[in-house]
Amino acid sequence: MTARRITVHQIQQMKLKQEPIAMVTAYDYTAAKIIDTTNIPMVLVGDSMGQVVLGFDSTIPVTVEDIVRATSAVVRGTKRCLVVADMPFLSYQIDPNTTLKNAGKLIQEGGAQAVKLEGGLSVAPIVKKLTESGVAVMGHIGLTPQSVHQLGGYRVQGKSKFTANQLLRDAVSLQEAGVFSIVLELIPLELAKEISSNLDIPTIGIGAGIHCDGQVQVFHDILGLDPDFRPKHSGNYADLSSIVKRALQNYSDEVTGRKFPGHEQSFSWSKDKKND
């Protein structure tokens, strides 16, 4: 029997049942296939691929085509997870028609079940246009990486009373516009608690503390794939960089030492010729 994908309705029901929601990023088929064997219900094809996959210093250079290609790979690697695709920088801020066209690409060509975009009150009309058109949308407020230059770097947001109230208004406006959940990034845990308690939809935290309805982390961060970068908000679940490095060094040593390949990795003409 073919597994059915988790729906946005099921994600919303998890908040009502007080079931914490785990979410992780993925950018390729192999990672997605592994994630799909766990009980993680949601996968985000994040524009964080700009840093962890493409080697940029921010998410800003990531294009719609980059996300479409990665999303299609993740969708092929999953049967159960709800796949959410990020809308990249300037893919939704120009005008409603461009926004619908780009969201349509992520869903029709990429195969995503939902899209995510950054911003609060300023993007609420765009979100409403998408949701009224039948697109499932996840919001994202707090630190919004696509606005990193405007924000002056990757800093905790909502620390003052004014900015905290602004973020609360942003969250409510997104809920009213029809988002099914909201990512809260790098905000004080007290503010995350207030926002979460004022919303009927799930909040998904990243660096937002213990009171969110769920958590999202970057695949490469939680697995320790970059030995030079481990953000404070990321859990320490593995140190794969050292394991991968050791495996590659062992492979190189065996090749240069003429130990690999051996007979067991080779094909014999006398044995295999009859199968031509």
Foldseek 3Di string as FASTA:
>chain_A
DFEAADDLVNQLVCVVVLNAAEEEEFQAQVVLLVVQVDPHAAYEPDLCCVCPPVNDPASQVDALVSQLVRLLRNVVNHRYHQYEYEHHDPQQLPDLVSVLVSLCSCCVRSVHQAYEYEDFPVCLVSLLSQVVVPHAYEYEDFDDRNCQVVVVHDAAFLPDPVRLVVVLNRLVSNVVSPHQEYEYERYDLVSQQVSCVVDSHFYEYQNNDDRGSYYYDYPCQCAQCDVVDHDPRHDPNHNCVVVVVVVVVVVVVCVVVVNPPDPVPDDDCVVCVVVD
